[in-house]
Each structure stands twice: as structure tokens, then as C-alpha cells.
Amino acid sequence: MVQSIWLRLLFGSAIALSAADPAVSQAAPPTATKAAASDEFAARGQREARSIKYGDWQKLCFKPGGAKMVCRTTISGTFATGQTAVRVYVTEREGDSVARLQLFLPVGLYMPPGVKLSVDKGMAHKIPFTWCLTNTCIAGDTAKPALLRELEAGKNLTLEVVDTNLVAVTTSLPLGQFASVRKGAPAQTFEQNIDE
């Protein structure tokens, strides 16, 4: 019992001292506080994604009965196992001036920072995650005209996500064919006629 009292006193004194003396307490260093204030988190490191093999850009169009045609310029990257690692869609509706960019990525990512895109190591564009399914997470937003111009003129698109260990993971995919495929004829058009 005497030992129990001594442990309580020792433990209580340690708590009181740490609360009273900032040098003893575990305060965050000033640089960490500044970094946390400017960003929601700080990545603990960076690594390149496992070997991802990218296919070619292709344009697919969909013409539902009586509606405007929707075209999707897309590229997919797969792991050696055949599992889809990355899929990028730039979706445009006939007659609309606004395009939509969607990124399909594996589950198990830290969602708040979204996806950072940069073309040829230029300015970063942040695309927020919109939802996750059991096998993929989707980040999407309006594709601003400036971003589309960068994609058309660029050579490489770098994607950066953060995994659940707070490590930034990057991959780069080719943009060499993007402009010609986007502006060219579709590889395939799917039409749906609805009889009423």
C-alpha cells in the first residue's frame, strides 16, 4: 500500500510538472506548428508507386437515344497482377464548354488531401476525392481550360496521393497522345436507341 501511494504521488508530480513547465511537456516544435497551420498534415515521406504499365490514350463516345453525345478521353494503368492501378477520364458532353476530370485510384488512400496533379512538374492542381466504392476511390472535379491546355501541351502527368501511412505516393503517365486523341475521332461510339 505504501508503494501504491508513492507511485500515485510520483505520477501526479510528473503530470503537474509537465503541465506547468513547457520545456518538460511534449510541445510541438515551432516549425511543425507552422507546417500544420499551412497544411492539414505533413507527409512522412515520398515514394514512387509500384510498377504501373500504362496503355494508350483512347476516346470513347456514348450516344444515348435522343440525347447529346458524351465523349471520354481515357488512359488506364495496371499493376503486374493485372489489377487496375489508375484510370483517368476527361469527359465532355457535345455542345458543353465544361469538361470533367475523374481519377479512379485504389482504395486505402488518405482522403483529405485529395489528388495533386502536375504537368511536366509545373503548377499543382488539387482534385478532391468524391467517393469510394469497394474496389476504387474516385477523385473528380471540373477540368479547368488552363489544365486542359497543360495536358494537351505536356509530356508527363504526375499524380500524387497520400496513403494511410501518410506517405506521398507518385506515378507519372504519358501525355504524348492526349491532344491528338482528344481532338480526333473516337475509337468507338456506343449508340443506344430507345423505343418508346
Protein backbone atom coordinates (compact mmCIF):
# COMPACT_ATOMS: atom_id res chain seq x y z
CA MET A 1 0.00 0.00 0.00
CA VAL A 2 2.85 2.38 0.77
CA GLN A 3 4.29 1.56 -2.63
CA SER A 4 0.93 2.39 -4.24
CA ILE A 5 0.82 5.78 -2.52
CA TRP A 6 4.38 6.55 -3.66
CA LEU A 7 3.52 5.63 -7.25
CA ARG A 8 0.45 7.89 -7.19
CA LEU A 9 2.48 10.80 -5.81
CA LEU A 10 5.26 10.28 -8.33
CA PHE A 11 2.80 10.00 -11.23
CA GLY A 12 0.82 13.06 -10.04
CA SER A 13 4.01 15.13 -9.67
CA ALA A 14 5.13 14.20 -13.18
CA ILE A 15 1.78 15.28 -14.65
CA ALA A 16 1.78 18.54 -12.69
CA LEU A 17 5.35 19.39 -13.74
CA SER A 18 4.75 18.61 -17.39
CA ALA A 19 1.64 20.80 -17.44
CA ALA A 20 3.40 23.67 -15.64
CA ASP A 21 6.73 23.61 -17.49
CA PRO A 22 6.56 23.82 -21.29
CA ALA A 23 10.17 22.61 -21.53
CA VAL A 24 9.18 19.31 -19.91
CA SER A 25 5.88 18.91 -21.78
CA GLN A 26 5.79 17.47 -25.28
CA ALA A 27 5.02 20.66 -27.18
CA ALA A 28 5.35 20.54 -30.95
CA PRO A 29 8.40 22.34 -32.30
CA PRO A 30 7.65 25.74 -33.88
CA THR A 31 8.39 24.51 -37.43
CA ALA A 32 5.94 21.63 -37.05
CA THR A 33 3.25 24.02 -35.81
CA LYS A 34 3.78 26.31 -38.81
CA ALA A 35 3.63 23.36 -41.22
CA ALA A 36 0.44 22.08 -39.60
CA ALA A 37 -1.14 25.51 -39.84
CA SER A 38 -0.35 25.82 -43.55
CA ASP A 39 -1.38 22.28 -44.46
CA GLU A 40 -3.76 19.77 -42.92
CA PHE A 41 -0.97 17.24 -42.46
CA ALA A 42 2.66 16.69 -43.27
CA ALA A 43 3.61 13.68 -45.36
CA ARG A 44 6.11 11.41 -43.66
CA GLY A 45 7.97 10.70 -46.86
CA GLN A 46 7.56 10.07 -50.55
CA ARG A 47 7.83 7.03 -52.81
CA GLU A 48 7.12 6.04 -56.38
CA ALA A 49 4.12 3.75 -56.91
CA ARG A 50 4.85 0.12 -57.72
CA SER A 51 5.49 -0.65 -61.35
CA ILE A 52 2.45 0.56 -63.29
CA LYS A 53 2.12 -0.13 -67.01
CA TYR A 54 0.05 2.42 -68.92
CA GLY A 55 -1.91 1.72 -72.09
CA ASP A 56 -2.61 4.23 -74.83
CA TRP A 57 -4.98 7.17 -74.62
CA GLN A 58 -8.29 6.42 -76.30
CA LYS A 59 -11.51 8.26 -76.94
CA LEU A 60 -14.85 6.52 -76.46
CA CYS A 61 -18.17 8.20 -77.15
CA PHE A 62 -21.68 7.36 -75.98
CA LYS A 63 -24.81 8.47 -77.84
CA PRO A 64 -27.92 7.70 -75.79
CA GLY A 65 -31.14 7.87 -77.80
CA GLY A 66 -32.10 11.49 -78.45
CA ALA A 67 -29.51 12.97 -76.04
CA LYS A 68 -26.24 14.77 -76.70
CA MET A 69 -23.15 12.64 -77.28
CA VAL A 70 -20.76 12.22 -74.34
CA CYS A 71 -17.09 11.51 -75.10
CA ARG A 72 -14.49 10.23 -72.68
CA THR A 73 -10.75 10.54 -73.36
CA THR A 74 -9.14 7.96 -71.10
CA ILE A 75 -5.99 6.09 -70.12
CA SER A 76 -5.55 3.18 -67.72
CA GLY A 77 -2.56 1.88 -65.83
CA THR A 78 -2.31 -1.61 -64.35
CA PHE A 79 -0.10 -3.36 -61.83
CA ALA A 80 1.80 -6.50 -62.91
CA THR A 81 -1.04 -8.54 -61.38
CA GLY A 82 -3.48 -7.07 -63.93
CA GLN A 83 -5.33 -5.04 -61.28
CA THR A 84 -6.21 -1.51 -62.39
CA ALA A 85 -4.00 0.98 -60.57
CA VAL A 86 -5.03 4.26 -62.19
CA ARG A 87 -7.70 5.31 -64.65
CA VAL A 88 -8.03 8.90 -65.87
CA TYR A 89 -11.16 10.21 -67.62
CA VAL A 90 -11.67 13.58 -69.28
CA THR A 91 -15.39 13.60 -70.03
CA GLU A 92 -17.05 16.12 -72.36
CA ARG A 93 -20.66 16.48 -73.49
CA GLU A 94 -21.39 17.65 -77.02
CA GLY A 95 -22.13 21.37 -77.05
CA ASP A 96 -20.98 21.99 -73.44
CA SER A 97 -17.97 24.18 -72.75
CA VAL A 98 -17.18 22.41 -69.46
CA ALA A 99 -15.21 19.16 -69.19
CA ARG A 100 -14.97 16.89 -66.15
CA LEU A 101 -11.80 15.19 -64.91
CA GLN A 102 -12.12 11.95 -62.95
CA LEU A 103 -9.38 9.79 -61.47
CA PHE A 104 -10.04 6.21 -60.37
CA LEU A 105 -7.48 5.05 -57.81
CA PRO A 106 -7.07 2.07 -55.46
CA VAL A 107 -8.74 2.05 -52.04
CA GLY A 108 -6.58 2.54 -48.95
CA LEU A 109 -5.65 6.17 -49.53
CA TYR A 110 -5.81 9.07 -47.09
CA MET A 111 -8.75 11.07 -48.45
CA PRO A 112 -8.49 14.67 -47.07
CA PRO A 113 -5.57 15.86 -49.24
CA GLY A 114 -7.17 14.62 -52.47
CA VAL A 115 -5.01 14.08 -55.53
CA LYS A 116 -2.34 16.51 -56.69
CA LEU A 117 -1.77 16.71 -60.44
CA SER A 118 1.11 18.42 -62.16
CA VAL A 119 2.03 18.52 -65.82
CA ASP A 120 5.77 18.42 -66.52
CA LYS A 121 6.50 19.34 -62.86
CA GLY A 122 4.57 22.60 -63.24
CA MET A 123 1.86 24.09 -61.05
CA ALA A 124 -0.05 21.60 -58.87
CA HIS A 125 -3.81 21.17 -59.30
CA LYS A 126 -5.77 19.64 -56.42
CA ILE A 127 -8.62 17.25 -57.27
CA PRO A 128 -10.78 16.23 -54.29
CA PHE A 129 -11.95 12.69 -53.69
CA THR A 130 -15.69 12.47 -54.25
CA TRP A 131 -16.48 8.91 -53.16
CA CYS A 132 -15.12 5.39 -52.70
CA LEU A 133 -16.55 2.06 -53.73
CA THR A 134 -15.35 -1.34 -52.52
CA ASN A 135 -12.67 -1.56 -55.21
CA THR A 136 -11.81 2.05 -56.16
CA CYS A 137 -11.82 5.64 -54.93
CA ILE A 138 -12.82 8.41 -57.31
CA ALA A 139 -11.47 11.94 -57.35
CA GLY A 140 -13.22 14.35 -59.66
CA ASP A 141 -13.73 17.98 -60.49
CA THR A 142 -14.34 20.35 -63.37
CA ALA A 143 -11.39 20.31 -65.75
CA LYS A 144 -10.44 23.96 -65.98
CA PRO A 145 -9.49 25.16 -69.50
CA ALA A 146 -5.96 26.00 -68.27
CA LEU A 147 -5.48 22.42 -67.04
CA LEU A 148 -6.75 21.01 -70.36
CA ARG A 149 -4.27 23.24 -72.24
CA GLU A 150 -1.46 21.99 -69.98
CA LEU A 151 -2.49 18.36 -70.60
CA GLU A 152 -2.52 18.92 -74.37
CA ALA A 153 0.90 20.61 -74.42
CA GLY A 154 2.58 18.43 -71.80
CA LYS A 155 4.69 15.29 -71.92
CA ASN A 156 4.02 13.75 -68.49
CA LEU A 157 1.22 13.97 -65.93
CA THR A 158 2.30 13.29 -62.36
CA LEU A 159 -0.30 12.15 -59.83
CA GLU A 160 0.40 12.36 -56.11
CA VAL A 161 -1.77 10.74 -53.46
CA VAL A 162 -1.19 10.06 -49.78
CA ASP A 163 -1.51 6.56 -48.39
CA THR A 164 -2.81 5.68 -44.93
CA ASN A 165 0.76 5.76 -43.56
CA LEU A 166 0.84 9.44 -44.61
CA VAL A 167 3.46 8.72 -47.27
CA ALA A 168 3.09 10.61 -50.56
CA VAL A 169 2.91 8.15 -53.47
CA THR A 170 3.54 9.38 -57.01
CA THR A 171 3.19 7.99 -60.50
CA SER A 172 3.71 9.59 -63.90
CA LEU A 173 1.77 8.81 -67.03
CA PRO A 174 2.41 9.84 -70.64
CA LEU A 175 0.62 12.73 -72.29
CA GLY A 176 2.19 12.46 -75.75
CA GLN A 177 -1.02 11.24 -77.43
CA PHE A 178 -3.55 13.10 -75.28
CA ALA A 179 -4.13 16.15 -77.53
CA SER A 180 -4.46 14.22 -80.79
CA VAL A 181 -6.75 11.60 -79.25
CA ARG A 182 -8.96 14.19 -77.51
CA LYS A 183 -9.39 16.25 -80.68
CA GLY A 184 -9.58 13.26 -83.03
CA ALA A 185 -12.36 10.86 -83.96
CA PRO A 186 -13.48 8.37 -81.30
CA ALA A 187 -12.03 4.85 -81.35
CA GLN A 188 -15.54 3.60 -80.67
CA THR A 189 -19.03 5.07 -80.41
CA PHE A 190 -21.74 3.30 -78.44
CA GLU A 191 -25.26 4.18 -79.50
CA GLN A 192 -28.42 3.37 -77.64
CA ASN A 193 -31.76 3.70 -79.34
CA ILE A 194 -34.72 3.89 -77.03
CA ASP A 195 -38.08 2.94 -78.47
CA GLU A 196 -40.98 4.46 -76.63
